[in-house]
Amino acid sequence: MALVINQVEKKIGCFEIALVGRLDNETSARLLGVVNALFQNRVNALQFNMRALDYVSSAGLRVILMAMKAAKKANAAFMVMEMQEPVKKVFEIAQMVPMNEIFASVKEADDYFDEIQRRERQKQPGGGN
């Protein structure tokens, strides 16, 4: 599944980026382009709505981290909201220990995150895949 990026300026300088689909190696560059373009102008706040984000890889995490750093540099508020449980679990794990201290490669990290998200989906009612 592709990634759909919906960007809305809720108030002057306050942006929401809603993500739909998969944020992975193939789609993360598009999101990075959107984030970079956004910070060419004044940004007071940036929030990512991840209600419909089904999957995130290490490349996707990296783009979110870069957005967070850009917001900090711009003195802008930053938040991520409404994560699905499998995606939330990946963010929780990634924040515990720096990824380069756990994984030997990006592929290894992505394989691990794939498995975590698969397990979390199975815990949900209906046992989605």
C-alpha atoms as a PDB file:
ATOM      1  CA  MET A   1       0.000   0.000   0.000  1.00  0.00           C
ATOM      2  CA  ALA A   2       1.192   3.494  -0.792  1.00  0.00           C
ATOM      3  CA  LEU A   3       1.377   6.433   1.558  1.00  0.00           C
ATOM      4  CA  VAL A   4      -1.171   9.238   1.355  1.00  0.00           C
ATOM      5  CA  ILE A   5      -0.018  12.505   2.906  1.00  0.00           C
ATOM      6  CA  ASN A   6      -2.726  15.039   3.755  1.00  0.00           C
ATOM      7  CA  GLN A   7      -1.359  18.386   4.876  1.00  0.00           C
ATOM      8  CA  VAL A   8      -3.621  21.079   6.317  1.00  0.00           C
ATOM      9  CA  GLU A   9      -2.789  24.477   7.789  1.00  0.00           C
ATOM     10  CA  LYS A  10      -5.202  24.552  10.746  1.00  0.00           C
ATOM     11  CA  LYS A  11      -4.207  28.072  11.783  1.00  0.00           C
ATOM     12  CA  ILE A  12      -1.537  30.371  10.434  1.00  0.00           C
ATOM     13  CA  GLY A  13       1.739  28.505  10.862  1.00  0.00           C
ATOM     14  CA  CYS A  14       0.089  25.483  12.537  1.00  0.00           C
ATOM     15  CA  PHE A  15       0.108  22.380  10.376  1.00  0.00           C
ATOM     16  CA  GLU A  16      -1.319  18.884  10.601  1.00  0.00           C
ATOM     17  CA  ILE A  17       0.048  16.105   8.449  1.00  0.00           C
ATOM     18  CA  ALA A  18      -2.242  13.073   8.360  1.00  0.00           C
ATOM     19  CA  LEU A  19      -0.630   9.860   7.144  1.00  0.00           C
ATOM     20  CA  VAL A  20      -2.577   7.025   5.530  1.00  0.00           C
ATOM     21  CA  GLY A  21      -0.997   3.683   4.628  1.00  0.00           C
ATOM     22  CA  ARG A  22       2.640   2.662   5.031  1.00  0.00           C
ATOM     23  CA  LEU A  23       5.594   4.845   5.984  1.00  0.00           C
ATOM     24  CA  ASP A  24       8.511   2.724   4.821  1.00  0.00           C
ATOM     25  CA  ASN A  25      11.687   2.750   2.714  1.00  0.00           C
ATOM     26  CA  GLU A  26       9.711   3.418  -0.468  1.00  0.00           C
ATOM     27  CA  THR A  27       7.493   6.214   0.896  1.00  0.00           C
ATOM     28  CA  SER A  28       9.612   7.998   3.497  1.00  0.00           C
ATOM     29  CA  ALA A  29      11.404  10.237   0.953  1.00  0.00           C
ATOM     30  CA  ARG A  30       8.051  11.741  -0.096  1.00  0.00           C
ATOM     31  CA  LEU A  31       7.223  12.620   3.499  1.00  0.00           C
ATOM     32  CA  LEU A  32      10.684  14.072   4.010  1.00  0.00           C
ATOM     33  CA  GLY A  33      10.096  16.299   0.970  1.00  0.00           C
ATOM     34  CA  VAL A  34       6.814  17.536   2.448  1.00  0.00           C
ATOM     35  CA  VAL A  35       8.444  18.245   5.813  1.00  0.00           C
ATOM     36  CA  ASN A  36      11.414  20.034   4.248  1.00  0.00           C
ATOM     37  CA  ALA A  37       9.131  22.192   2.099  1.00  0.00           C
ATOM     38  CA  LEU A  38       7.008  23.037   5.135  1.00  0.00           C
ATOM     39  CA  PHE A  39       9.982  24.333   7.098  1.00  0.00           C
ATOM     40  CA  GLN A  40      10.993  26.664   4.253  1.00  0.00           C
ATOM     41  CA  ASN A  41       8.385  28.985   5.792  1.00  0.00           C
ATOM     42  CA  ARG A  42       7.484  29.893   9.361  1.00  0.00           C
ATOM     43  CA  VAL A  43       6.070  26.947  11.298  1.00  0.00           C
ATOM     44  CA  ASN A  44       4.640  27.479  14.785  1.00  0.00           C
ATOM     45  CA  ALA A  45       3.350  23.942  15.267  1.00  0.00           C
ATOM     46  CA  LEU A  46       3.463  20.606  13.498  1.00  0.00           C
ATOM     47  CA  GLN A  47       1.358  17.601  14.381  1.00  0.00           C
ATOM     48  CA  PHE A  48       1.314  14.221  12.734  1.00  0.00           C
ATOM     49  CA  ASN A  49      -2.004  12.399  12.802  1.00  0.00           C
ATOM     50  CA  MET A  50      -1.276   8.693  12.495  1.00  0.00           C
ATOM     51  CA  ARG A  51      -4.822   7.372  12.898  1.00  0.00           C
ATOM     52  CA  ALA A  52      -4.657   5.676   9.486  1.00  0.00           C
ATOM     53  CA  LEU A  53      -0.945   4.824   9.417  1.00  0.00           C
ATOM     54  CA  ASP A  54      -0.797   1.034   9.225  1.00  0.00           C
ATOM     55  CA  TYR A  55       2.951   0.498   9.263  1.00  0.00           C
ATOM     56  CA  VAL A  56       6.215   2.313   9.989  1.00  0.00           C
ATOM     57  CA  SER A  57       9.764   1.181   9.199  1.00  0.00           C
ATOM     58  CA  SER A  58      13.059   2.494  10.519  1.00  0.00           C
ATOM     59  CA  ALA A  59      13.208   4.841   7.505  1.00  0.00           C
ATOM     60  CA  GLY A  60       9.811   6.217   8.516  1.00  0.00           C
ATOM     61  CA  LEU A  61      10.931   6.673  12.109  1.00  0.00           C
ATOM     62  CA  ARG A  62      13.954   8.561  10.842  1.00  0.00           C
ATOM     63  CA  VAL A  63      11.754  11.043   8.920  1.00  0.00           C
ATOM     64  CA  ILE A  64       9.563  11.652  11.976  1.00  0.00           C
ATOM     65  CA  LEU A  65      12.695  12.255  14.040  1.00  0.00           C
ATOM     66  CA  MET A  66      13.996  14.691  11.430  1.00  0.00           C
ATOM     67  CA  ALA A  67      10.660  16.538  11.522  1.00  0.00           C
ATOM     68  CA  MET A  68      10.876  16.715  15.308  1.00  0.00           C
ATOM     69  CA  LYS A  69      14.390  18.161  15.101  1.00  0.00           C
ATOM     70  CA  ALA A  70      13.304  20.710  12.480  1.00  0.00           C
ATOM     71  CA  ALA A  71      10.404  21.754  14.729  1.00  0.00           C
ATOM     72  CA  LYS A  72      12.730  22.145  17.685  1.00  0.00           C
ATOM     73  CA  LYS A  73      15.148  24.237  15.632  1.00  0.00           C
ATOM     74  CA  ALA A  74      12.232  26.454  14.532  1.00  0.00           C
ATOM     75  CA  ASN A  75      10.902  26.733  18.112  1.00  0.00           C
ATOM     76  CA  ALA A  76       7.714  25.076  16.897  1.00  0.00           C
ATOM     77  CA  ALA A  77       5.483  22.776  18.900  1.00  0.00           C
ATOM     78  CA  PHE A  78       5.622  19.146  17.747  1.00  0.00           C
ATOM     79  CA  MET A  79       3.283  16.243  18.403  1.00  0.00           C
ATOM     80  CA  VAL A  80       2.332  12.848  17.111  1.00  0.00           C
ATOM     81  CA  MET A  81      -1.202  11.660  17.783  1.00  0.00           C
ATOM     82  CA  GLU A  82      -3.695   8.835  17.335  1.00  0.00           C
ATOM     83  CA  MET A  83      -1.240   6.033  16.614  1.00  0.00           C
ATOM     84  CA  GLN A  84      -2.551   2.547  16.012  1.00  0.00           C
ATOM     85  CA  GLU A  85      -1.211   0.063  18.563  1.00  0.00           C
ATOM     86  CA  PRO A  86       1.289  -1.701  16.248  1.00  0.00           C
ATOM     87  CA  VAL A  87       2.812   1.620  15.172  1.00  0.00           C
ATOM     88  CA  LYS A  88       2.770   2.937  18.740  1.00  0.00           C
ATOM     89  CA  LYS A  89       4.669  -0.151  19.892  1.00  0.00           C
ATOM     90  CA  VAL A  90       7.430   0.505  17.339  1.00  0.00           C
ATOM     91  CA  PHE A  91       7.761   4.115  18.522  1.00  0.00           C
ATOM     92  CA  GLU A  92       7.936   2.953  22.153  1.00  0.00           C
ATOM     93  CA  ILE A  93      10.643   0.411  21.409  1.00  0.00           C
ATOM     94  CA  ALA A  94      12.653   2.792  19.231  1.00  0.00           C
ATOM     95  CA  GLN A  95      12.742   5.408  21.990  1.00  0.00           C
ATOM     96  CA  MET A  96      14.044   3.005  24.617  1.00  0.00           C
ATOM     97  CA  VAL A  97      17.459   2.325  23.100  1.00  0.00           C
ATOM     98  CA  PRO A  98      19.229   3.973  20.140  1.00  0.00           C
ATOM     99  CA  MET A  99      18.575   1.802  17.099  1.00  0.00           C
ATOM    100  CA  ASN A 100      22.217   1.593  16.069  1.00  0.00           C
ATOM    101  CA  GLU A 101      22.974  -0.087  19.405  1.00  0.00           C
ATOM    102  CA  ILE A 102      20.408  -2.823  18.869  1.00  0.00           C
ATOM    103  CA  PHE A 103      20.349  -3.614  15.154  1.00  0.00           C
ATOM    104  CA  ALA A 104      23.201  -4.520  12.847  1.00  0.00           C
ATOM    105  CA  SER A 105      21.407  -3.144   9.782  1.00  0.00           C
ATOM    106  CA  VAL A 106      18.310  -1.306   8.609  1.00  0.00           C
ATOM    107  CA  LYS A 107      16.972  -4.601   7.259  1.00  0.00           C
ATOM    108  CA  GLU A 108      17.376  -6.229  10.662  1.00  0.00           C
ATOM    109  CA  ALA A 109      15.553  -3.303  12.317  1.00  0.00           C
ATOM    110  CA  ASP A 110      12.745  -3.447   9.748  1.00  0.00           C
ATOM    111  CA  ASP A 111      12.370  -7.223  10.130  1.00  0.00           C
ATOM    112  CA  TYR A 112      12.093  -6.762  13.899  1.00  0.00           C
ATOM    113  CA  PHE A 113       9.543  -3.947  13.554  1.00  0.00           C
ATOM    114  CA  ASP A 114       7.559  -6.057  11.037  1.00  0.00           C
ATOM    115  CA  GLU A 115       7.291  -8.832  13.622  1.00  0.00           C
ATOM    116  CA  ILE A 116       6.293  -6.455  16.454  1.00  0.00           C
ATOM    117  CA  GLN A 117       3.545  -4.913  14.351  1.00  0.00           C
ATOM    118  CA  ARG A 118       2.295  -8.339  13.206  1.00  0.00           C
ATOM    119  CA  ARG A 119       2.033  -9.498  16.833  1.00  0.00           C
ATOM    120  CA  GLU A 120       0.218  -6.331  17.913  1.00  0.00           C
ATOM    121  CA  ARG A 121      -2.316  -6.724  15.083  1.00  0.00           C
ATOM    122  CA  GLN A 122      -2.988 -10.307  16.161  1.00  0.00           C
ATOM    123  CA  LYS A 123      -3.832  -9.067  19.671  1.00  0.00           C
ATOM    124  CA  GLN A 124      -6.542  -6.785  18.302  1.00  0.00           C
ATOM    125  CA  PRO A 125     -10.147  -7.972  17.949  1.00  0.00           C
ATOM    126  CA  GLY A 126     -10.456  -9.905  14.716  1.00  0.00           C
ATOM    127  CA  GLY A 127      -6.713 -10.704  14.733  1.00  0.00           C
ATOM    128  CA  GLY A 128      -5.876  -8.545  11.715  1.00  0.00           C
ATOM    129  CA  ASN A 129      -2.726  -9.330   9.749  1.00  0.00           C
END
